[in-house]
Amino acid sequence: MKPLSIQIVPAQPGFVTVIDFDDVKKVELGEPVIAWRIETHSVEKSDDVFSSCIAITVDGDAVSNCIGVQNPDNTVTVFEESTYASLAELQTNRYPNA
């Protein structure tokens, strides 16, 4: 579906991608986020719209196993899931027996 609009917004310093290495059951920090791409789409058969926010790094879009970002306050937001107090809490929650 073609977006209604695409905007690129600079990221505030301190956002870092969070990468999930499910083969070794580990989450780690990736690259700093330098900008956000905000895409707005129409909802089929509706007057509603929805927007998605995609992290952009110096290499372009975040890698495919990027699951979220570490925020400047060191909390971790996992896209479309939840926010965790730290990377360690996410690791324990996601892979409790690792």
C-alpha atoms as a PDB file:
ATOM      1  CA  MET A   1       0.000   0.000   0.000  1.00  0.00           C
ATOM      2  CA  LYS A   2       1.383   3.400  -0.981  1.00  0.00           C
ATOM      3  CA  PRO A   3       1.840   5.814   1.944  1.00  0.00           C
ATOM      4  CA  LEU A   4      -0.181   9.025   2.073  1.00  0.00           C
ATOM      5  CA  SER A   5       2.868  10.789   3.448  1.00  0.00           C
ATOM      6  CA  ILE A   6       6.458  10.130   4.471  1.00  0.00           C
ATOM      7  CA  GLN A   7       8.344  12.422   6.808  1.00  0.00           C
ATOM      8  CA  ILE A   8      11.943  12.198   8.018  1.00  0.00           C
ATOM      9  CA  VAL A   9      12.468  13.633  11.492  1.00  0.00           C
ATOM     10  CA  PRO A  10      15.892  13.931  13.186  1.00  0.00           C
ATOM     11  CA  ALA A  11      16.243  11.729  16.269  1.00  0.00           C
ATOM     12  CA  GLN A  12      17.246  13.225  19.570  1.00  0.00           C
ATOM     13  CA  PRO A  13      20.647  11.936  20.761  1.00  0.00           C
ATOM     14  CA  GLY A  14      20.621   8.762  22.861  1.00  0.00           C
ATOM     15  CA  PHE A  15      18.354   6.397  20.903  1.00  0.00           C
ATOM     16  CA  VAL A  16      20.053   3.095  19.961  1.00  0.00           C
ATOM     17  CA  THR A  17      18.604   0.133  18.069  1.00  0.00           C
ATOM     18  CA  VAL A  18      18.015  -3.126  19.970  1.00  0.00           C
ATOM     19  CA  ILE A  19      18.841  -6.288  18.060  1.00  0.00           C
ATOM     20  CA  ASP A  20      17.412  -9.753  18.807  1.00  0.00           C
ATOM     21  CA  PHE A  21      19.763 -12.652  18.117  1.00  0.00           C
ATOM     22  CA  ASP A  22      17.171 -15.383  18.643  1.00  0.00           C
ATOM     23  CA  ASP A  23      19.564 -18.126  17.478  1.00  0.00           C
ATOM     24  CA  VAL A  24      21.738 -17.477  20.557  1.00  0.00           C
ATOM     25  CA  LYS A  25      18.880 -16.139  22.726  1.00  0.00           C
ATOM     26  CA  LYS A  26      20.419 -12.725  23.300  1.00  0.00           C
ATOM     27  CA  VAL A  27      19.414  -9.083  22.842  1.00  0.00           C
ATOM     28  CA  GLU A  28      22.097  -6.446  22.275  1.00  0.00           C
ATOM     29  CA  LEU A  29      22.446  -2.805  21.387  1.00  0.00           C
ATOM     30  CA  GLY A  30      23.003  -2.009  17.728  1.00  0.00           C
ATOM     31  CA  GLU A  31      23.583   1.328  16.026  1.00  0.00           C
ATOM     32  CA  PRO A  32      22.551   4.822  17.110  1.00  0.00           C
ATOM     33  CA  VAL A  33      19.296   6.111  15.621  1.00  0.00           C
ATOM     34  CA  ILE A  34      19.953   9.306  13.666  1.00  0.00           C
ATOM     35  CA  ALA A  35      16.410   9.884  12.343  1.00  0.00           C
ATOM     36  CA  TRP A  36      12.871   8.497  12.209  1.00  0.00           C
ATOM     37  CA  ARG A  37      10.861   7.862   9.060  1.00  0.00           C
ATOM     38  CA  ILE A  38       7.173   8.386   9.753  1.00  0.00           C
ATOM     39  CA  GLU A  39       4.890   6.794   7.181  1.00  0.00           C
ATOM     40  CA  THR A  40       1.163   7.485   7.221  1.00  0.00           C
ATOM     41  CA  HIS A  41      -1.167   5.086   5.404  1.00  0.00           C
ATOM     42  CA  SER A  42      -4.907   5.012   4.845  1.00  0.00           C
ATOM     43  CA  VAL A  43      -6.913   2.143   6.293  1.00  0.00           C
ATOM     44  CA  GLU A  44      -8.655   0.162   3.570  1.00  0.00           C
ATOM     45  CA  LYS A  45     -12.416   0.781   3.349  1.00  0.00           C
ATOM     46  CA  SER A  46     -12.242   3.416   6.084  1.00  0.00           C
ATOM     47  CA  ASP A  47     -11.605   7.115   6.631  1.00  0.00           C
ATOM     48  CA  ASP A  48      -9.014   6.207   9.284  1.00  0.00           C
ATOM     49  CA  VAL A  49      -5.248   6.481   8.889  1.00  0.00           C
ATOM     50  CA  PHE A  50      -2.359   4.905  10.762  1.00  0.00           C
ATOM     51  CA  SER A  51       1.275   5.897  11.070  1.00  0.00           C
ATOM     52  CA  SER A  52       4.405   3.858  11.639  1.00  0.00           C
ATOM     53  CA  CYS A  53       7.757   5.093  12.866  1.00  0.00           C
ATOM     54  CA  ILE A  54      10.886   3.427  11.485  1.00  0.00           C
ATOM     55  CA  ALA A  55      14.350   3.897  12.995  1.00  0.00           C
ATOM     56  CA  ILE A  56      17.043   5.087  10.591  1.00  0.00           C
ATOM     57  CA  THR A  57      20.758   4.581  11.297  1.00  0.00           C
ATOM     58  CA  VAL A  58      23.817   5.787   9.398  1.00  0.00           C
ATOM     59  CA  ASP A  59      23.455   2.610   7.288  1.00  0.00           C
ATOM     60  CA  GLY A  60      19.797   3.352   6.420  1.00  0.00           C
ATOM     61  CA  ASP A  61      16.843   1.382   7.781  1.00  0.00           C
ATOM     62  CA  ALA A  62      17.598  -0.638  10.895  1.00  0.00           C
ATOM     63  CA  VAL A  63      18.535  -4.291  10.349  1.00  0.00           C
ATOM     64  CA  SER A  64      15.712  -6.814   9.970  1.00  0.00           C
ATOM     65  CA  ASN A  65      16.199  -8.274  13.466  1.00  0.00           C
ATOM     66  CA  CYS A  66      15.853  -4.856  15.127  1.00  0.00           C
ATOM     67  CA  ILE A  67      13.043  -5.271  17.652  1.00  0.00           C
ATOM     68  CA  GLY A  68      13.077  -1.850  19.277  1.00  0.00           C
ATOM     69  CA  VAL A  69      15.200   0.937  20.682  1.00  0.00           C
ATOM     70  CA  GLN A  70      16.973   1.830  23.862  1.00  0.00           C
ATOM     71  CA  ASN A  71      15.742   5.280  24.857  1.00  0.00           C
ATOM     72  CA  PRO A  72      17.964   8.094  26.174  1.00  0.00           C
ATOM     73  CA  ASP A  73      16.918   7.209  29.756  1.00  0.00           C
ATOM     74  CA  ASN A  74      18.105   3.584  29.156  1.00  0.00           C
ATOM     75  CA  THR A  75      14.586   2.145  29.133  1.00  0.00           C
ATOM     76  CA  VAL A  76      13.931  -0.148  26.169  1.00  0.00           C
ATOM     77  CA  THR A  77      10.881   0.100  23.925  1.00  0.00           C
ATOM     78  CA  VAL A  78      10.103  -3.036  21.912  1.00  0.00           C
ATOM     79  CA  PHE A  79       8.047  -2.088  18.867  1.00  0.00           C
ATOM     80  CA  GLU A  80       4.352  -2.993  19.180  1.00  0.00           C
ATOM     81  CA  GLU A  81       5.006  -4.787  22.478  1.00  0.00           C
ATOM     82  CA  SER A  82       6.079  -3.013  25.657  1.00  0.00           C
ATOM     83  CA  THR A  83       8.657  -0.855  27.412  1.00  0.00           C
ATOM     84  CA  TYR A  84      11.203  -2.390  29.773  1.00  0.00           C
ATOM     85  CA  ALA A  85      13.244  -0.732  32.518  1.00  0.00           C
ATOM     86  CA  SER A  86      16.527  -1.851  30.951  1.00  0.00           C
ATOM     87  CA  LEU A  87      18.153  -4.074  28.345  1.00  0.00           C
ATOM     88  CA  ALA A  88      18.818  -6.608  31.115  1.00  0.00           C
ATOM     89  CA  GLU A  89      15.098  -6.749  31.987  1.00  0.00           C
ATOM     90  CA  LEU A  90      14.229  -7.313  28.321  1.00  0.00           C
ATOM     91  CA  GLN A  91      16.840 -10.086  28.108  1.00  0.00           C
ATOM     92  CA  THR A  92      15.414 -11.828  31.194  1.00  0.00           C
ATOM     93  CA  ASN A  93      11.817 -11.434  30.016  1.00  0.00           C
ATOM     94  CA  ARG A  94      12.460 -12.552  26.431  1.00  0.00           C
ATOM     95  CA  TYR A  95      14.840 -15.435  27.186  1.00  0.00           C
ATOM     96  CA  PRO A  96      14.244 -16.437  30.832  1.00  0.00           C
ATOM     97  CA  ASN A  97      16.272 -19.652  30.632  1.00  0.00           C
ATOM     98  CA  ALA A  98      19.209 -18.324  28.626  1.00  0.00           C
END
